[in-house]
Amino acid sequence: MNVELILKVAGVGFLVTVVYQVLSKSGRDEQAMLASVAGIIIVLLMIVGELGGLLDTVKNVFGI
């Protein structure tokens, strides 16, 4: 696994946490929830890209 990917996921998590707290304290709970869902989707998209690379490596190793 790439350390760069871990740092990106942690950075997105930190940013989403800050945005969620600011929006929640200002009474915009719906936007705060949308921000957290958007953060989850962004992280999932980053992981899906890495998962594709893993599957390609497995195919090459086994000659599929």
PDB file of N, CA and C in Angstrom:
ATOM      1  N   MET A   1       0.844  -1.178   0.000  1.00  0.00           N
ATOM      2  CA  MET A   1       0.000   0.000   0.000  1.00  0.00           C
ATOM      3  C   MET A   1       0.888   1.239   0.000  1.00  0.00           C
ATOM      4  N   ASN A   2       0.374   2.246  -0.575  1.00  0.00           N
ATOM      5  CA  ASN A   2       1.111   3.475  -0.746  1.00  0.00           C
ATOM      6  C   ASN A   2       0.853   4.415   0.434  1.00  0.00           C
ATOM      7  N   VAL A   3       1.931   4.953   1.004  1.00  0.00           N
ATOM      8  CA  VAL A   3       1.791   5.892   2.114  1.00  0.00           C
ATOM      9  C   VAL A   3       1.089   7.167   1.640  1.00  0.00           C
ATOM     10  N   GLU A   4       1.292   7.502   0.401  1.00  0.00           N
ATOM     11  CA  GLU A   4       0.659   8.696  -0.167  1.00  0.00           C
ATOM     12  C   GLU A   4      -0.866   8.580  -0.141  1.00  0.00           C
ATOM     13  N   LEU A   5      -1.377   7.406  -0.421  1.00  0.00           N
ATOM     14  CA  LEU A   5      -2.820   7.184  -0.389  1.00  0.00           C
ATOM     15  C   LEU A   5      -3.359   7.337   1.032  1.00  0.00           C
ATOM     16  N   ILE A   6      -2.641   6.821   2.004  1.00  0.00           N
ATOM     17  CA  ILE A   6      -3.065   6.943   3.400  1.00  0.00           C
ATOM     18  C   ILE A   6      -3.110   8.403   3.813  1.00  0.00           C
ATOM     19  N   LEU A   7      -2.118   9.180   3.410  1.00  0.00           N
ATOM     20  CA  LEU A   7      -2.102  10.599   3.754  1.00  0.00           C
ATOM     21  C   LEU A   7      -3.225  11.366   3.061  1.00  0.00           C
ATOM     22  N   LYS A   8      -3.548  10.982   1.830  1.00  0.00           N
ATOM     23  CA  LYS A   8      -4.662  11.628   1.130  1.00  0.00           C
ATOM     24  C   LYS A   8      -5.981  11.349   1.833  1.00  0.00           C
ATOM     25  N   VAL A   9      -6.192  10.109   2.221  1.00  0.00           N
ATOM     26  CA  VAL A   9      -7.429   9.743   2.916  1.00  0.00           C
ATOM     27  C   VAL A   9      -7.517  10.474   4.256  1.00  0.00           C
ATOM     28  N   ALA A  10      -6.410  10.551   4.967  1.00  0.00           N
ATOM     29  CA  ALA A  10      -6.407  11.270   6.240  1.00  0.00           C
ATOM     30  C   ALA A  10      -6.672  12.760   6.029  1.00  0.00           C
ATOM     31  N   GLY A  11      -6.113  13.331   4.974  1.00  0.00           N
ATOM     32  CA  GLY A  11      -6.346  14.742   4.677  1.00  0.00           C
ATOM     33  C   GLY A  11      -7.800  15.026   4.344  1.00  0.00           C
ATOM     34  N   VAL A  12      -8.404  14.162   3.558  1.00  0.00           N
ATOM     35  CA  VAL A  12      -9.826  14.327   3.230  1.00  0.00           C
ATOM     36  C   VAL A  12     -10.661  14.189   4.499  1.00  0.00           C
ATOM     37  N   GLY A  13     -10.321  13.240   5.341  1.00  0.00           N
ATOM     38  CA  GLY A  13     -11.046  13.052   6.592  1.00  0.00           C
ATOM     39  C   GLY A  13     -10.945  14.258   7.499  1.00  0.00           C
ATOM     40  N   PHE A  14      -9.752  14.829   7.595  1.00  0.00           N
ATOM     41  CA  PHE A  14      -9.557  16.016   8.429  1.00  0.00           C
ATOM     42  C   PHE A  14     -10.346  17.198   7.877  1.00  0.00           C
ATOM     43  N   LEU A  15     -10.292  17.397   6.573  1.00  0.00           N
ATOM     44  CA  LEU A  15     -11.013  18.502   5.946  1.00  0.00           C
ATOM     45  C   LEU A  15     -12.521  18.355   6.110  1.00  0.00           C
ATOM     46  N   VAL A  16     -13.027  17.151   5.919  1.00  0.00           N
ATOM     47  CA  VAL A  16     -14.464  16.914   6.076  1.00  0.00           C
ATOM     48  C   VAL A  16     -14.880  17.130   7.531  1.00  0.00           C
ATOM     49  N   THR A  17     -14.044  16.735   8.471  1.00  0.00           N
ATOM     50  CA  THR A  17     -14.363  16.941   9.881  1.00  0.00           C
ATOM     51  C   THR A  17     -14.476  18.420  10.217  1.00  0.00           C
ATOM     52  N   VAL A  18     -13.537  19.220   9.712  1.00  0.00           N
ATOM     53  CA  VAL A  18     -13.573  20.657   9.972  1.00  0.00           C
ATOM     54  C   VAL A  18     -14.810  21.288   9.343  1.00  0.00           C
ATOM     55  N   VAL A  19     -15.093  20.939   8.103  1.00  0.00           N
ATOM     56  CA  VAL A  19     -16.263  21.497   7.420  1.00  0.00           C
ATOM     57  C   VAL A  19     -17.540  21.075   8.136  1.00  0.00           C
ATOM     58  N   TYR A  20     -17.612  19.834   8.559  1.00  0.00           N
ATOM     59  CA  TYR A  20     -18.796  19.341   9.264  1.00  0.00           C
ATOM     60  C   TYR A  20     -19.010  20.112  10.564  1.00  0.00           C
ATOM     61  N   GLN A  21     -17.938  20.321  11.319  1.00  0.00           N
ATOM     62  CA  GLN A  21     -18.065  21.036  12.588  1.00  0.00           C
ATOM     63  C   GLN A  21     -18.500  22.480  12.381  1.00  0.00           C
ATOM     64  N   VAL A  22     -17.923  23.148  11.392  1.00  0.00           N
ATOM     65  CA  VAL A  22     -18.287  24.543  11.130  1.00  0.00           C
ATOM     66  C   VAL A  22     -19.745  24.642  10.708  1.00  0.00           C
ATOM     67  N   LEU A  23     -20.171  23.780   9.802  1.00  0.00           N
ATOM     68  CA  LEU A  23     -21.556  23.820   9.339  1.00  0.00           C
ATOM     69  C   LEU A  23     -22.527  23.420  10.442  1.00  0.00           C
ATOM     70  N   SER A  24     -22.147  22.458  11.241  1.00  0.00           N
ATOM     71  CA  SER A  24     -23.015  22.015  12.313  1.00  0.00           C
ATOM     72  C   SER A  24     -23.200  23.104  13.375  1.00  0.00           C
ATOM     73  N   LYS A  25     -22.135  23.802  13.722  1.00  0.00           N
ATOM     74  CA  LYS A  25     -22.221  24.865  14.727  1.00  0.00           C
ATOM     75  C   LYS A  25     -23.014  26.065  14.229  1.00  0.00           C
ATOM     76  N   SER A  26     -23.058  26.251  12.913  1.00  0.00           N
ATOM     77  CA  SER A  26     -23.807  27.391  12.380  1.00  0.00           C
ATOM     78  C   SER A  26     -25.267  27.036  12.083  1.00  0.00           C
ATOM     79  N   GLY A  27     -25.677  25.823  12.437  1.00  0.00           N
ATOM     80  CA  GLY A  27     -27.065  25.430  12.283  1.00  0.00           C
ATOM     81  C   GLY A  27     -27.434  24.883  10.924  1.00  0.00           C
ATOM     82  N   ARG A  28     -26.478  24.547  10.123  1.00  0.00           N
ATOM     83  CA  ARG A  28     -26.732  23.994   8.787  1.00  0.00           C
ATOM     84  C   ARG A  28     -26.431  22.497   8.788  1.00  0.00           C
ATOM     85  N   ASP A  29     -27.285  21.774   9.479  1.00  0.00           N
ATOM     86  CA  ASP A  29     -27.043  20.341   9.644  1.00  0.00           C
ATOM     87  C   ASP A  29     -27.181  19.564   8.340  1.00  0.00           C
ATOM     88  N   GLU A  30     -28.078  19.992   7.468  1.00  0.00           N
ATOM     89  CA  GLU A  30     -28.259  19.277   6.197  1.00  0.00           C
ATOM     90  C   GLU A  30     -27.016  19.391   5.317  1.00  0.00           C
ATOM     91  N   GLN A  31     -26.451  20.594   5.247  1.00  0.00           N
ATOM     92  CA  GLN A  31     -25.231  20.778   4.454  1.00  0.00           C
ATOM     93  C   GLN A  31     -24.048  20.038   5.085  1.00  0.00           C
ATOM     94  N   ALA A  32     -24.032  19.976   6.418  1.00  0.00           N
ATOM     95  CA  ALA A  32     -22.963  19.246   7.097  1.00  0.00           C
ATOM     96  C   ALA A  32     -23.024  17.761   6.742  1.00  0.00           C
ATOM     97  N   MET A  33     -24.230  17.227   6.705  1.00  0.00           N
ATOM     98  CA  MET A  33     -24.379  15.818   6.348  1.00  0.00           C
ATOM     99  C   MET A  33     -23.986  15.580   4.893  1.00  0.00           C
ATOM    100  N   LEU A  34     -24.347  16.489   4.016  1.00  0.00           N
ATOM    101  CA  LEU A  34     -23.953  16.359   2.605  1.00  0.00           C
ATOM    102  C   LEU A  34     -22.436  16.428   2.448  1.00  0.00           C
ATOM    103  N   ALA A  35     -21.789  17.267   3.251  1.00  0.00           N
ATOM    104  CA  ALA A  35     -20.328  17.363   3.190  1.00  0.00           C
ATOM    105  C   ALA A  35     -19.682  16.048   3.630  1.00  0.00           C
ATOM    106  N   SER A  36     -20.232  15.422   4.652  1.00  0.00           N
ATOM    107  CA  SER A  36     -19.664  14.158   5.105  1.00  0.00           C
ATOM    108  C   SER A  36     -19.895  13.047   4.076  1.00  0.00           C
ATOM    109  N   VAL A  37     -21.062  13.043   3.443  1.00  0.00           N
ATOM    110  CA  VAL A  37     -21.328  12.046   2.401  1.00  0.00           C
ATOM    111  C   VAL A  37     -20.405  12.270   1.202  1.00  0.00           C
ATOM    112  N   ALA A  38     -20.179  13.527   0.853  1.00  0.00           N
ATOM    113  CA  ALA A  38     -19.262  13.831  -0.253  1.00  0.00           C
ATOM    114  C   ALA A  38     -17.844  13.365   0.074  1.00  0.00           C
ATOM    115  N   GLY A  39     -17.424  13.530   1.318  1.00  0.00           N
ATOM    116  CA  GLY A  39     -16.099  13.058   1.725  1.00  0.00           C
ATOM    117  C   GLY A  39     -15.974  11.555   1.614  1.00  0.00           C
ATOM    118  N   ILE A  40     -17.021  10.842   2.001  1.00  0.00           N
ATOM    119  CA  ILE A  40     -17.007   9.384   1.895  1.00  0.00           C
ATOM    120  C   ILE A  40     -16.918   8.955   0.434  1.00  0.00           C
ATOM    121  N   ILE A  41     -17.666   9.625  -0.427  1.00  0.00           N
ATOM    122  CA  ILE A  41     -17.637   9.285  -1.855  1.00  0.00           C
ATOM    123  C   ILE A  41     -16.260   9.551  -2.448  1.00  0.00           C
ATOM    124  N   ILE A  42     -15.631  10.662  -2.070  1.00  0.00           N
ATOM    125  CA  ILE A  42     -14.295  10.981  -2.582  1.00  0.00           C
ATOM    126  C   ILE A  42     -13.292   9.911  -2.173  1.00  0.00           C
ATOM    127  N   VAL A  43     -13.343   9.504  -0.908  1.00  0.00           N
ATOM    128  CA  VAL A  43     -12.416   8.472  -0.430  1.00  0.00           C
ATOM    129  C   VAL A  43     -12.676   7.141  -1.138  1.00  0.00           C
ATOM    130  N   LEU A  44     -13.936   6.789  -1.326  1.00  0.00           N
ATOM    131  CA  LEU A  44     -14.243   5.546  -2.027  1.00  0.00           C
ATOM    132  C   LEU A  44     -13.742   5.568  -3.467  1.00  0.00           C
ATOM    133  N   LEU A  45     -13.847   6.714  -4.132  1.00  0.00           N
ATOM    134  CA  LEU A  45     -13.335   6.810  -5.499  1.00  0.00           C
ATOM    135  C   LEU A  45     -11.812   6.663  -5.541  1.00  0.00           C
ATOM    136  N   MET A  46     -11.119   7.206  -4.549  1.00  0.00           N
ATOM    137  CA  MET A  46      -9.664   7.042  -4.507  1.00  0.00           C
ATOM    138  C   MET A  46      -9.296   5.576  -4.284  1.00  0.00           C
ATOM    139  N   ILE A  47     -10.040   4.891  -3.446  1.00  0.00           N
ATOM    140  CA  ILE A  47      -9.744   3.493  -3.155  1.00  0.00           C
ATOM    141  C   ILE A  47     -10.078   2.604  -4.353  1.00  0.00           C
ATOM    142  N   VAL A  48     -11.146   2.924  -5.070  1.00  0.00           N
ATOM    143  CA  VAL A  48     -11.518   2.129  -6.248  1.00  0.00           C
ATOM    144  C   VAL A  48     -10.414   2.188  -7.300  1.00  0.00           C
ATOM    145  N   GLY A  49      -9.780   3.353  -7.465  1.00  0.00           N
ATOM    146  CA  GLY A  49      -8.676   3.466  -8.410  1.00  0.00           C
ATOM    147  C   GLY A  49      -7.517   2.560  -8.036  1.00  0.00           C
ATOM    148  N   GLU A  50      -7.206   2.493  -6.762  1.00  0.00           N
ATOM    149  CA  GLU A  50      -6.124   1.628  -6.301  1.00  0.00           C
ATOM    150  C   GLU A  50      -6.512   0.154  -6.417  1.00  0.00           C
ATOM    151  N   LEU A  51      -7.774  -0.133  -6.191  1.00  0.00           N
ATOM    152  CA  LEU A  51      -8.241  -1.511  -6.296  1.00  0.00           C
ATOM    153  C   LEU A  51      -8.133  -2.018  -7.731  1.00  0.00           C
ATOM    154  N   GLY A  52      -8.373  -1.150  -8.698  1.00  0.00           N
ATOM    155  CA  GLY A  52      -8.199  -1.523 -10.099  1.00  0.00           C
ATOM    156  C   GLY A  52      -6.762  -1.891 -10.411  1.00  0.00           C
ATOM    157  N   GLY A  53      -5.825  -1.118  -9.859  1.00  0.00           N
ATOM    158  CA  GLY A  53      -4.415  -1.439 -10.038  1.00  0.00           C
ATOM    159  C   GLY A  53      -4.043  -2.768  -9.398  1.00  0.00           C
ATOM    160  N   LEU A  54      -4.626  -3.059  -8.247  1.00  0.00           N
ATOM    161  CA  LEU A  54      -4.378  -4.339  -7.579  1.00  0.00           C
ATOM    162  C   LEU A  54      -4.886  -5.499  -8.417  1.00  0.00           C
ATOM    163  N   LEU A  55      -6.066  -5.358  -8.981  1.00  0.00           N
ATOM    164  CA  LEU A  55      -6.614  -6.435  -9.814  1.00  0.00           C
ATOM    165  C   LEU A  55      -5.780  -6.653 -11.066  1.00  0.00           C
ATOM    166  N   ASP A  56      -5.259  -5.579 -11.652  1.00  0.00           N
ATOM    167  CA  ASP A  56      -4.367  -5.729 -12.805  1.00  0.00           C
ATOM    168  C   ASP A  56      -3.093  -6.471 -12.424  1.00  0.00           C
ATOM    169  N   THR A  57      -2.549  -6.181 -11.263  1.00  0.00           N
ATOM    170  CA  THR A  57      -1.352  -6.874 -10.794  1.00  0.00           C
ATOM    171  C   THR A  57      -1.627  -8.352 -10.579  1.00  0.00           C
ATOM    172  N   VAL A  58      -2.770  -8.677  -9.997  1.00  0.00           N
ATOM    173  CA  VAL A  58      -3.127 -10.081  -9.776  1.00  0.00           C
ATOM    174  C   VAL A  58      -3.288 -10.799 -11.111  1.00  0.00           C
ATOM    175  N   LYS A  59      -3.901 -10.137 -12.081  1.00  0.00           N
ATOM    176  CA  LYS A  59      -4.041 -10.751 -13.412  1.00  0.00           C
ATOM    177  C   LYS A  59      -2.684 -11.030 -14.037  1.00  0.00           C
ATOM    178  N   ASN A  60      -1.754 -10.087 -13.901  1.00  0.00           N
ATOM    179  CA  ASN A  60      -0.416 -10.276 -14.475  1.00  0.00           C
ATOM    180  C   ASN A  60       0.353 -11.389 -13.775  1.00  0.00           C
ATOM    181  N   VAL A  61       0.187 -11.495 -12.470  1.00  0.00           N
ATOM    182  CA  VAL A  61       0.908 -12.533 -11.723  1.00  0.00           C
ATOM    183  C   VAL A  61       0.435 -13.919 -12.122  1.00  0.00           C
ATOM    184  N   PHE A  62      -0.859 -14.088 -12.260  1.00  0.00           N
ATOM    185  CA  PHE A  62      -1.407 -15.395 -12.571  1.00  0.00           C
ATOM    186  C   PHE A  62      -1.584 -15.615 -14.078  1.00  0.00           C
ATOM    187  N   GLY A  63      -1.266 -14.631 -14.890  1.00  0.00           N
ATOM    188  CA  GLY A  63      -1.344 -14.792 -16.337  1.00  0.00           C
ATOM    189  C   GLY A  63      -2.746 -14.941 -16.875  1.00  0.00           C
ATOM    190  N   ILE A  64      -3.661 -14.260 -16.257  1.00  0.00           N
ATOM    191  CA  ILE A  64      -5.070 -14.348 -16.699  1.00  0.00           C
ATOM    192  C   ILE A  64      -5.320 -13.363 -17.810  1.00  0.00           C
TER     193      ILE A  64
END
